[in-house]
Protein backbone atom coordinates (compact mmCIF):
# COMPACT_ATOMS: atom_id res chain seq x y z
CA UNK A 1 50.50 -28.31 -41.86
CA UNK A 2 51.38 -25.38 -40.08
CA UNK A 3 53.78 -25.24 -37.77
CA UNK A 4 53.36 -24.44 -33.61
CA UNK A 5 54.36 -20.29 -33.81
CA UNK A 6 52.88 -19.29 -36.39
CA UNK A 7 49.56 -21.25 -35.85
CA UNK A 8 49.52 -19.29 -32.46
CA UNK A 9 50.41 -16.45 -34.15
CA UNK A 10 47.09 -16.80 -36.95
CA UNK A 11 45.20 -17.43 -34.22
CA UNK A 12 45.62 -14.39 -32.35
CA UNK A 13 45.61 -12.82 -34.62
CA UNK A 14 41.75 -14.28 -36.07
CA UNK A 15 40.56 -12.93 -32.76
CA UNK A 16 42.24 -9.77 -33.38
CA UNK A 17 45.54 -9.29 -32.00
CA UNK A 18 47.66 -6.76 -34.47
CA UNK A 19 50.11 -7.11 -32.50
CA UNK A 20 49.83 -10.79 -33.74
CA UNK A 21 49.23 -9.97 -37.31
CA UNK A 22 52.72 -7.56 -37.40
CA UNK A 23 54.84 -10.17 -35.70
CA UNK A 24 53.99 -12.99 -38.88
CA UNK A 25 54.94 -9.82 -41.08
CA UNK A 26 58.32 -9.40 -39.66
CA UNK A 27 58.91 -12.58 -40.20
CA UNK A 28 57.92 -13.51 -43.68
CA UNK A 29 58.14 -9.34 -45.01
CA UNK A 30 61.64 -9.43 -45.63
CA UNK A 31 61.09 -12.92 -47.89
CA UNK A 32 57.89 -11.09 -50.28
CA UNK A 33 59.23 -7.89 -50.56
CA UNK A 34 62.02 -10.23 -52.95
CA UNK A 35 59.79 -12.36 -54.46
CA UNK A 36 57.77 -8.45 -55.07
CA UNK A 37 60.40 -6.93 -57.23
CA UNK A 38 61.58 -10.20 -58.92
CA UNK A 39 57.98 -9.35 -60.15
CA UNK A 40 58.46 -5.70 -60.52
CA UNK A 41 62.24 -5.29 -60.70
CA UNK A 42 63.02 -1.36 -59.31
CA UNK A 43 61.80 -0.75 -55.11
CA UNK A 44 59.31 1.68 -54.80
CA UNK A 45 57.03 -0.84 -56.33
CA UNK A 46 58.76 -3.86 -54.55
CA UNK A 47 57.69 -2.05 -51.51
CA UNK A 48 54.12 -1.13 -52.51
CA UNK A 49 53.55 -5.15 -53.92
CA UNK A 50 54.51 -5.96 -50.38
CA UNK A 51 52.77 -4.24 -48.60
CA UNK A 52 49.65 -4.69 -50.23
CA UNK A 53 50.23 -8.58 -50.93
CA UNK A 54 50.53 -8.53 -46.74
CA UNK A 55 47.03 -5.94 -46.54
CA UNK A 56 45.65 -8.62 -48.31
CA UNK A 57 46.76 -11.39 -46.33
CA UNK A 58 44.99 -9.46 -43.22
CA UNK A 59 42.08 -9.48 -44.31
CA UNK A 60 41.24 -12.88 -45.61
CA UNK A 61 43.71 -14.86 -42.92
CA UNK A 62 40.37 -16.09 -41.91
CA UNK A 63 39.86 -17.80 -45.06
CA UNK A 64 43.99 -19.48 -44.62
CA UNK A 65 43.56 -22.82 -44.45
CA UNK A 66 46.22 -24.73 -42.98
CA UNK A 67 47.00 -27.82 -46.01
CA UNK A 68 49.96 -25.02 -47.44
CA UNK A 69 52.83 -23.28 -45.10
CA UNK A 70 52.17 -19.30 -44.21
CA UNK A 71 54.86 -19.05 -46.11
CA UNK A 72 53.54 -20.27 -49.23
CA UNK A 73 50.06 -18.84 -48.77
CA UNK A 74 52.18 -15.40 -48.09
CA UNK A 75 53.49 -16.68 -51.75
CA UNK A 76 50.80 -17.76 -53.34
CA UNK A 77 48.68 -13.46 -52.34
CA UNK A 78 52.34 -11.62 -53.29
CA UNK A 79 52.72 -13.51 -57.09
CA UNK A 80 48.78 -12.31 -57.63
CA UNK A 81 49.27 -8.96 -56.87
CA UNK A 82 51.94 -8.84 -58.77
CA UNK A 83 51.03 -10.90 -61.56
CA UNK A 84 47.56 -8.53 -61.59
CA UNK A 85 49.58 -4.98 -61.16
CA UNK A 86 51.95 -6.18 -63.67
CA UNK A 87 48.32 -7.19 -66.17
CA UNK A 88 47.21 -3.06 -65.06
CA UNK A 89 50.15 -1.96 -66.22
CA UNK A 90 50.28 -3.70 -69.61
CA UNK A 91 46.22 -2.84 -70.63
CA UNK A 92 47.18 0.88 -69.76
CA UNK A 93 50.15 0.98 -72.07
CA UNK A 94 48.15 -0.56 -74.76
CA UNK A 95 45.28 2.34 -74.60
CA UNK A 96 47.60 5.10 -74.77
CA UNK A 97 48.49 6.15 -78.26
CA UNK A 98 52.52 6.96 -79.35
CA UNK A 99 51.90 9.06 -81.85
CA UNK A 100 49.04 11.79 -80.03
CA UNK A 101 50.44 14.53 -78.45
CA UNK A 102 50.75 15.25 -75.00
CA UNK A 103 49.28 18.67 -73.60
CA UNK A 104 50.95 20.41 -71.42
CA UNK A 105 49.33 22.84 -68.38
CA UNK A 106 49.92 25.83 -70.58
CA UNK A 107 47.17 24.07 -73.56
CA UNK A 108 50.30 23.39 -75.36
CA UNK A 109 50.87 20.04 -77.33
CA UNK A 110 53.96 18.75 -77.38
CA UNK A 111 55.79 15.42 -79.63
CA UNK A 112 56.49 12.69 -76.88
CA UNK A 113 59.35 11.36 -76.76
CA UNK A 114 59.81 7.51 -76.32
CA UNK A 115 62.96 5.90 -75.72
CA UNK A 116 64.65 2.58 -77.86
CA UNK A 117 63.24 -0.05 -74.93
CA UNK A 118 66.46 -2.41 -76.75
CA UNK A 119 69.60 -2.23 -75.07
CA UNK A 120 72.09 -0.66 -76.26
CA UNK A 121 75.81 -1.26 -76.26
CA UNK A 122 76.09 1.09 -73.54
CA UNK A 123 73.29 -0.41 -71.68
CA UNK A 124 74.10 -4.17 -71.73
CA UNK A 125 78.03 -3.21 -70.08
CA UNK A 126 76.85 -1.93 -67.20
CA UNK A 127 75.03 -4.86 -66.95
CA UNK A 128 78.16 -6.74 -65.40
CA UNK A 129 76.77 -8.13 -62.49
CA UNK A 130 75.34 -11.09 -63.29
CA UNK A 131 72.19 -10.70 -61.11
CA UNK A 132 71.19 -6.91 -62.89
CA UNK A 133 71.71 -8.49 -66.12
CA UNK A 134 70.14 -12.11 -65.57
CA UNK A 135 67.00 -9.87 -63.59
CA UNK A 136 66.22 -7.74 -67.21
CA UNK A 137 66.52 -10.91 -68.83
CA UNK A 138 64.02 -12.42 -66.62
CA UNK A 139 61.78 -9.73 -66.70
CA UNK A 140 61.40 -10.69 -70.76
CA UNK A 141 59.63 -14.20 -69.37
CA UNK A 142 55.88 -15.27 -69.82
CA UNK A 143 54.51 -14.06 -66.75
CA UNK A 144 53.84 -17.82 -65.84
CA UNK A 145 57.46 -18.57 -67.40
CA UNK A 146 59.05 -15.53 -65.09
CA UNK A 147 56.76 -16.87 -62.08
CA UNK A 148 58.02 -20.36 -61.69
CA UNK A 149 61.66 -19.35 -62.37
CA UNK A 150 61.39 -16.81 -59.23
CA UNK A 151 59.52 -19.06 -57.34
CA UNK A 152 62.09 -22.10 -58.31
CA UNK A 153 65.41 -20.44 -58.58
CA UNK A 154 65.32 -17.41 -56.60
CA UNK A 155 62.69 -18.21 -54.09
CA UNK A 156 63.63 -21.14 -53.21
CA UNK A 157 60.60 -23.62 -53.44
CA UNK A 158 60.25 -27.36 -54.25
CA UNK A 159 58.30 -27.77 -57.19
CA UNK A 160 55.27 -29.17 -55.02
CA UNK A 161 55.10 -25.88 -52.75
CA UNK A 162 55.44 -23.85 -56.60
CA UNK A 163 51.94 -26.21 -57.81
CA UNK A 164 50.72 -24.72 -54.95
CA UNK A 165 50.74 -20.67 -54.67
CA UNK A 166 50.07 -21.39 -58.46
CA UNK A 167 48.10 -24.08 -57.17
CA UNK A 168 48.28 -26.21 -60.23
CA UNK A 169 50.07 -29.17 -61.24
CA UNK A 170 53.92 -30.40 -60.21
CA UNK A 171 54.01 -31.95 -63.98
CA UNK A 172 53.25 -28.06 -65.16
CA UNK A 173 55.79 -26.65 -63.47
CA UNK A 174 58.50 -28.41 -64.21
CA UNK A 175 57.77 -27.49 -67.69
CA UNK A 176 56.86 -24.49 -66.82
CA UNK A 177 60.21 -24.09 -65.98
CA UNK A 178 62.01 -25.77 -68.82
CA UNK A 179 60.79 -23.97 -71.51
CA UNK A 180 61.13 -20.68 -68.70
CA UNK A 181 65.43 -22.63 -68.04
CA UNK A 182 65.57 -23.14 -72.32
CA UNK A 183 63.94 -19.20 -73.38
CA UNK A 184 67.41 -17.68 -70.40
CA UNK A 185 69.96 -19.76 -71.61
CA UNK A 186 68.97 -18.84 -74.87
CA UNK A 187 68.85 -14.94 -74.99
CA UNK A 188 72.12 -15.52 -73.24
CA UNK A 189 74.00 -17.14 -75.51
CA UNK A 190 72.70 -14.84 -77.92
CA UNK A 191 75.23 -12.05 -75.93
CA UNK A 192 77.93 -14.19 -74.16
CA UNK A 193 77.87 -11.98 -71.44
CA UNK A 194 78.39 -14.55 -68.96
CA UNK A 195 81.40 -16.13 -68.12
């Protein structure tokens, strides 16, 4: 399933030609960044995750069998890198007691000032642009729903490609996509912000 030019660049990369891998990275970096951005929700984290995904791809290029396209393989790596980071952050957040005071460098203690994560009227008003608003809703989805929504509706991958990226059946992809879209429909309906 390897396609001409990618195939040549992969062979050269495996032979130690770093410029060949750089050419592959340049070809896919925009889509990898966009995918990472959809998971992470900000430019800095997306850039970090995209870079980490490309490093992992470079280190494990020898394991690429060519059963799927190189793009699909790179999306799988990017998805895994982002989900791993989000899980790590979630675990870290759970270990911190929100009631425990924070020690300052001079030995004093101060109370945590934790903002309410629920959207206020001002924030909702700022979500005039549909893309920003939808991204915030996508971020609230369960990881498996978020993943299929991003891969299908944002990255425009086929059901088969998504199944390859997630290593699951097409039926599972369709089911997760259906549930994710239904959750989004309900959230959008409650807010009634979109025309």
